[in-house]
Amino acid sequence: MRRRVIAVAVAALAGLASAQTQENPAAKELRRLPADEAHQGVASDRSFVFAIADSRIGKYDKTTGKRVELFEGDPAVFIHMNSCSVVAEELVCALSNFPNLPQISSVEWFSTHTLKHLRSHSFGAARGSMTWVDWHDGSWWICYANYDGRGGDPTRDHNATLLVKYTPQFVEQGSWVFPQNVLERFGHMSASGGRWGKDGFLYVTGHDLPEMYVLKLPAAGARLEYVRTITIPTNGQAFDWDMAKPGHLWTIERKRTEMVESLLPNR
């Protein structure tokens, strides 16, 4: 009888693990590329991947893994570059003064060919620290992260993390807060990475957990809607899609300063 009870318990645990796996499908890791600048995030175009640090950007050949260009900014100006994305032939990056207060943010543009800094758009003191910017459906989408401790405004906590939609000229069109269950997964931190997918869903990562959250705009109200969670092989941080390979994802492993290519699950 005791053996039967144990067998039933083991089967139940196996079933629970299987259900959790089905609930949270996992991205499949494909390869890793070392990059000294892989501290905050990664961006990708068709032939290169870009590793982002606070004040540095490294451009790496996807095939050879060799660094071919390097941007090194003034650390007093480029205090915390958290993420970048490729729009046309430009690298569009989110810059803040994290962990300093008051929280100030700007968008910075670089040439994807030379990594030369091209121009800037300042938001001054904002409603959080800008962690990512994405161009989608004719609009700019920007996330302002808020934190419970270091780098956080004492009048707000991580629940105040905000997604804002702007016109091409950065005129605000609307804003949304995040689902409560996702905010709980952020812990005391916030949303580190975000990209719109071709499927119309918003994909978001936190700072720590190896998870990606799939969200959508609500039909009504001001809170984004949760769709599902995808397990990823690295611990959060800013990510990007591979422009040459649909369904492929680039993330970073900051402790090992590596850029990681993965394949998203088919759901």
Protein backbone atom coordinates (compact mmCIF):
# COMPACT_ATOMS: atom_id res chain seq x y z
CA MET A 1 0.00 0.00 0.00
CA ARG A 2 2.81 2.39 0.93
CA ARG A 3 4.53 1.77 -2.42
CA ARG A 4 1.25 2.38 -4.23
CA VAL A 5 0.74 5.69 -2.41
CA ILE A 6 4.30 6.77 -3.30
CA ALA A 7 3.74 5.76 -6.93
CA VAL A 8 0.54 7.78 -7.09
CA ALA A 9 2.30 10.78 -5.55
CA VAL A 10 5.18 10.54 -8.02
CA ALA A 11 2.72 10.30 -10.92
CA ALA A 12 0.86 13.33 -9.63
CA LEU A 13 4.07 15.35 -9.39
CA ALA A 14 5.05 14.27 -12.90
CA GLY A 15 1.65 15.35 -14.15
CA LEU A 16 2.02 18.70 -12.42
CA ALA A 17 5.47 19.24 -13.95
CA SER A 18 4.09 18.33 -17.36
CA ALA A 19 1.19 20.76 -16.94
CA GLN A 20 3.60 23.52 -15.92
CA THR A 21 5.77 22.78 -18.97
CA GLN A 22 2.74 23.01 -21.21
CA GLU A 23 1.65 26.21 -19.50
CA ASN A 24 5.10 27.79 -19.84
CA PRO A 25 6.63 26.61 -23.14
CA ALA A 26 10.39 27.03 -23.36
CA ALA A 27 12.63 28.66 -25.94
CA LYS A 28 15.36 26.33 -27.23
CA GLU A 29 18.92 27.57 -26.82
CA LEU A 30 20.94 27.39 -30.05
CA ARG A 31 24.30 29.06 -29.44
CA ARG A 32 26.28 31.58 -27.40
CA LEU A 33 28.63 34.35 -28.50
CA PRO A 34 30.99 35.99 -25.99
CA ALA A 35 30.76 39.81 -25.87
CA ASP A 36 32.48 42.06 -23.34
CA GLU A 37 29.62 44.60 -23.58
CA ALA A 38 26.81 42.10 -22.86
CA HIS A 39 25.80 43.68 -19.55
CA GLN A 40 22.41 45.29 -20.25
CA GLY A 41 20.95 43.97 -23.50
CA VAL A 42 21.35 42.93 -27.11
CA ALA A 43 20.03 44.09 -30.50
CA SER A 44 20.12 42.45 -33.92
CA ASP A 45 19.93 43.21 -37.61
CA ARG A 46 20.29 40.75 -40.47
CA SER A 47 24.06 40.24 -40.24
CA PHE A 48 25.19 41.56 -36.85
CA VAL A 49 24.31 41.51 -33.17
CA PHE A 50 24.97 44.46 -30.86
CA ALA A 51 25.91 43.98 -27.21
CA ILE A 52 24.90 46.88 -24.97
CA ALA A 53 26.59 48.07 -21.78
CA ASP A 54 25.94 51.29 -19.86
CA SER A 55 28.14 53.50 -22.06
CA ARG A 56 29.38 51.03 -24.70
CA ILE A 57 28.01 49.18 -27.71
CA GLY A 58 29.84 46.32 -29.40
CA LYS A 59 28.96 45.22 -32.94
CA TYR A 60 29.56 41.50 -33.63
CA ASP A 61 29.48 39.47 -36.81
CA LYS A 62 26.82 36.75 -36.45
CA THR A 63 28.82 34.20 -38.43
CA THR A 64 32.29 34.61 -36.95
CA GLY A 65 31.41 36.09 -33.55
CA LYS A 66 34.13 38.70 -34.10
CA ARG A 67 33.67 42.26 -32.86
CA VAL A 68 33.88 44.64 -35.82
CA GLU A 69 32.94 48.01 -34.28
CA LEU A 70 32.87 49.58 -30.81
CA PHE A 71 31.17 52.71 -29.43
CA GLU A 72 32.52 54.08 -26.16
CA GLY A 73 30.60 57.07 -24.83
CA ASP A 74 31.36 59.48 -22.02
CA PRO A 75 30.16 57.65 -18.85
CA ALA A 76 29.07 60.99 -17.41
CA VAL A 77 26.59 61.35 -20.30
CA PHE A 78 25.85 57.73 -21.23
CA ILE A 79 25.13 56.70 -17.66
CA HIS A 80 22.82 53.74 -18.23
CA MET A 81 22.08 52.58 -21.78
CA ASN A 82 19.74 49.68 -21.09
CA SER A 83 18.60 48.47 -24.53
CA CYS A 84 18.62 49.17 -28.26
CA SER A 85 16.61 48.13 -31.31
CA VAL A 86 17.29 48.39 -35.03
CA VAL A 87 14.99 50.66 -37.05
CA ALA A 88 15.95 50.91 -40.73
CA GLU A 89 19.74 51.37 -40.59
CA GLU A 90 19.82 53.00 -37.18
CA LEU A 91 20.27 51.66 -33.69
CA VAL A 92 17.69 53.28 -31.39
CA CYS A 93 18.66 53.12 -27.72
CA ALA A 94 17.01 53.85 -24.37
CA LEU A 95 19.21 55.92 -22.06
CA SER A 96 18.59 56.92 -18.44
CA ASN A 97 20.58 58.18 -15.47
CA PHE A 98 19.80 55.07 -13.35
CA PRO A 99 20.36 54.81 -10.40
CA ASN A 100 20.43 58.60 -9.95
CA LEU A 101 17.47 60.82 -9.06
CA PRO A 102 15.44 62.53 -10.34
CA GLN A 103 14.91 59.96 -13.10
CA ILE A 104 15.81 61.44 -16.48
CA SER A 105 15.69 59.69 -19.86
CA SER A 106 16.42 60.14 -23.55
CA VAL A 107 16.39 58.23 -26.83
CA GLU A 108 19.74 58.00 -28.63
CA TRP A 109 20.36 57.08 -32.28
CA PHE A 110 23.47 55.42 -33.73
CA SER A 111 24.50 54.25 -37.19
CA THR A 112 24.31 50.46 -37.43
CA HIS A 113 27.25 50.60 -39.87
CA THR A 114 29.77 52.67 -37.91
CA LEU A 115 28.16 52.99 -34.43
CA LYS A 116 28.61 56.76 -34.77
CA HIS A 117 26.21 58.68 -32.51
CA LEU A 118 23.69 60.50 -34.73
CA ARG A 119 21.17 62.41 -32.61
CA SER A 120 19.21 62.50 -29.37
CA HIS A 121 15.69 63.21 -28.07
CA SER A 122 15.47 64.19 -24.40
CA PHE A 123 12.44 63.58 -22.18
CA GLY A 124 14.00 65.31 -19.18
CA ALA A 125 12.61 64.23 -15.83
CA ALA A 126 10.24 61.37 -16.67
CA ARG A 127 7.78 59.01 -15.00
CA GLY A 128 10.49 56.42 -14.47
CA SER A 129 13.76 55.28 -16.01
CA MET A 130 13.45 54.48 -19.71
CA THR A 131 14.48 50.85 -20.24
CA TRP A 132 13.36 50.15 -23.80
CA VAL A 133 12.00 51.81 -26.93
CA ASP A 134 10.41 50.04 -29.89
CA TRP A 135 8.98 51.18 -33.24
CA HIS A 136 5.71 49.39 -34.01
CA ASP A 137 2.68 50.07 -36.18
CA GLY A 138 3.75 53.64 -36.99
CA SER A 139 4.36 54.62 -33.37
CA TRP A 140 7.09 54.70 -30.75
CA TRP A 141 6.51 52.56 -27.66
CA ILE A 142 8.55 53.33 -24.56
CA CYS A 143 8.72 51.63 -21.18
CA TYR A 144 9.43 53.66 -18.05
CA ALA A 145 10.66 51.34 -15.32
CA ASN A 146 10.12 52.00 -11.63
CA TYR A 147 11.84 50.24 -8.73
CA ASP A 148 11.23 49.61 -5.06
CA GLY A 149 14.77 50.38 -3.90
CA ARG A 150 17.96 51.52 -5.58
CA GLY A 151 17.23 53.86 -8.50
CA GLY A 152 13.56 54.18 -7.61
CA ASP A 153 11.63 57.37 -6.99
CA PRO A 154 10.50 57.30 -3.30
CA THR A 155 6.99 58.37 -4.37
CA ARG A 156 6.56 55.28 -6.62
CA ASP A 157 7.39 51.56 -6.64
CA HIS A 158 7.65 48.91 -9.35
CA ASN A 159 3.85 48.85 -9.72
CA ALA A 160 4.13 52.25 -11.43
CA THR A 161 6.08 50.78 -14.39
CA LEU A 162 4.48 52.29 -17.48
CA LEU A 163 4.17 51.62 -21.23
CA VAL A 164 3.65 54.81 -23.26
CA LYS A 165 2.69 55.11 -26.93
CA TYR A 166 3.97 58.12 -28.91
CA THR A 167 3.57 59.57 -32.39
CA PRO A 168 6.68 59.63 -34.63
CA GLN A 169 7.34 63.11 -33.15
CA PHE A 170 7.02 61.78 -29.57
CA VAL A 171 3.61 63.24 -28.79
CA GLU A 172 1.99 60.98 -26.22
CA GLN A 173 -1.02 58.97 -27.45
CA GLY A 174 -1.77 56.71 -24.50
CA SER A 175 -0.28 54.75 -21.62
CA TRP A 176 -0.82 51.45 -19.80
CA VAL A 177 0.35 49.79 -16.60
CA PHE A 178 1.37 46.12 -16.45
CA PRO A 179 -0.69 43.09 -15.35
CA GLN A 180 -0.53 42.47 -11.61
CA ASN A 181 0.79 38.91 -11.97
CA VAL A 182 3.65 40.14 -14.16
CA LEU A 183 4.49 42.94 -11.72
CA GLU A 184 4.73 40.31 -8.99
CA ARG A 185 7.22 38.34 -11.12
CA PHE A 186 9.33 41.50 -11.53
CA GLY A 187 9.88 41.42 -7.76
CA HIS A 188 11.40 44.69 -6.59
CA MET A 189 12.66 45.43 -10.10
CA SER A 190 10.85 46.18 -13.37
CA ALA A 191 10.59 45.56 -17.13
CA SER A 192 14.09 45.42 -18.63
CA GLY A 193 13.25 44.43 -22.22
CA GLY A 194 10.28 44.69 -24.55
CA ARG A 195 9.50 44.12 -28.24
CA TRP A 196 6.35 43.88 -30.27
CA GLY A 197 6.06 40.60 -32.18
CA LYS A 198 4.79 40.14 -35.71
CA ASP A 199 1.83 38.31 -34.16
CA GLY A 200 0.64 41.58 -32.60
CA PHE A 201 1.55 40.63 -29.03
CA LEU A 202 3.95 42.50 -26.77
CA TYR A 203 6.84 40.44 -25.38
CA VAL A 204 8.45 41.63 -22.13
CA THR A 205 11.27 40.49 -19.86
CA GLY A 206 12.13 41.48 -16.31
CA HIS A 207 15.58 41.98 -14.82
CA ASP A 208 16.10 38.62 -13.13
CA LEU A 209 13.87 35.62 -13.84
CA PRO A 210 14.45 33.46 -16.98
CA GLU A 211 10.99 34.32 -18.28
CA MET A 212 9.35 36.24 -21.09
CA TYR A 213 5.80 37.55 -20.68
CA VAL A 214 3.41 37.77 -23.61
CA LEU A 215 0.95 40.66 -23.28
CA LYS A 216 -1.66 42.50 -25.33
CA LEU A 217 -3.42 45.84 -25.26
CA PRO A 218 -6.75 45.76 -23.42
CA ALA A 219 -10.09 46.32 -25.13
CA ALA A 220 -10.91 48.67 -22.26
CA GLY A 221 -9.15 50.04 -19.23
CA ALA A 222 -5.55 51.05 -18.63
CA ARG A 223 -3.87 47.74 -17.72
CA LEU A 224 -2.17 45.46 -20.24
CA GLU A 225 -3.58 41.93 -20.46
CA TYR A 226 -1.51 38.84 -19.69
CA VAL A 227 -1.49 36.07 -22.32
CA ARG A 228 1.20 33.55 -21.29
CA THR A 229 4.76 33.06 -20.06
CA ILE A 230 7.67 31.62 -22.06
CA THR A 231 10.73 30.19 -20.32
CA ILE A 232 14.03 31.52 -21.76
CA PRO A 233 17.61 30.25 -21.19
CA THR A 234 18.92 33.46 -19.60
CA ASN A 235 17.98 35.68 -16.67
CA GLY A 236 15.85 38.45 -18.09
CA GLN A 237 17.47 41.70 -19.28
CA ALA A 238 16.85 43.39 -22.64
CA PHE A 239 16.42 41.22 -25.75
CA ASP A 240 15.74 41.46 -29.47
CA TRP A 241 14.40 39.43 -32.38
CA ASP A 242 16.78 38.13 -35.05
CA MET A 243 15.85 40.10 -38.17
CA ALA A 244 17.11 37.35 -40.51
CA LYS A 245 15.46 34.40 -38.76
CA PRO A 246 11.76 34.62 -37.82
CA GLY A 247 11.10 33.10 -34.41
CA HIS A 248 14.70 33.48 -33.28
CA LEU A 249 15.52 35.45 -30.16
CA TRP A 250 18.69 37.07 -28.79
CA THR A 251 19.15 37.53 -25.02
CA ILE A 252 22.20 37.99 -22.80
CA GLU A 253 23.78 36.11 -19.91
CA ARG A 254 25.30 39.06 -18.10
CA LYS A 255 27.29 37.05 -15.54
CA ARG A 256 29.18 35.35 -18.38
CA THR A 257 28.99 38.34 -20.80
CA GLU A 258 27.44 36.22 -23.55
CA MET A 259 24.82 36.83 -26.23
CA VAL A 260 22.48 33.85 -26.56
CA GLU A 261 20.45 32.87 -29.62
CA SER A 262 17.29 30.84 -29.01
CA LEU A 263 14.29 29.56 -30.94
CA LEU A 264 10.85 30.47 -29.62
CA PRO A 265 8.29 27.67 -29.10
CA ASN A 266 5.55 27.24 -31.71
CA ARG A 267 2.74 28.73 -29.63
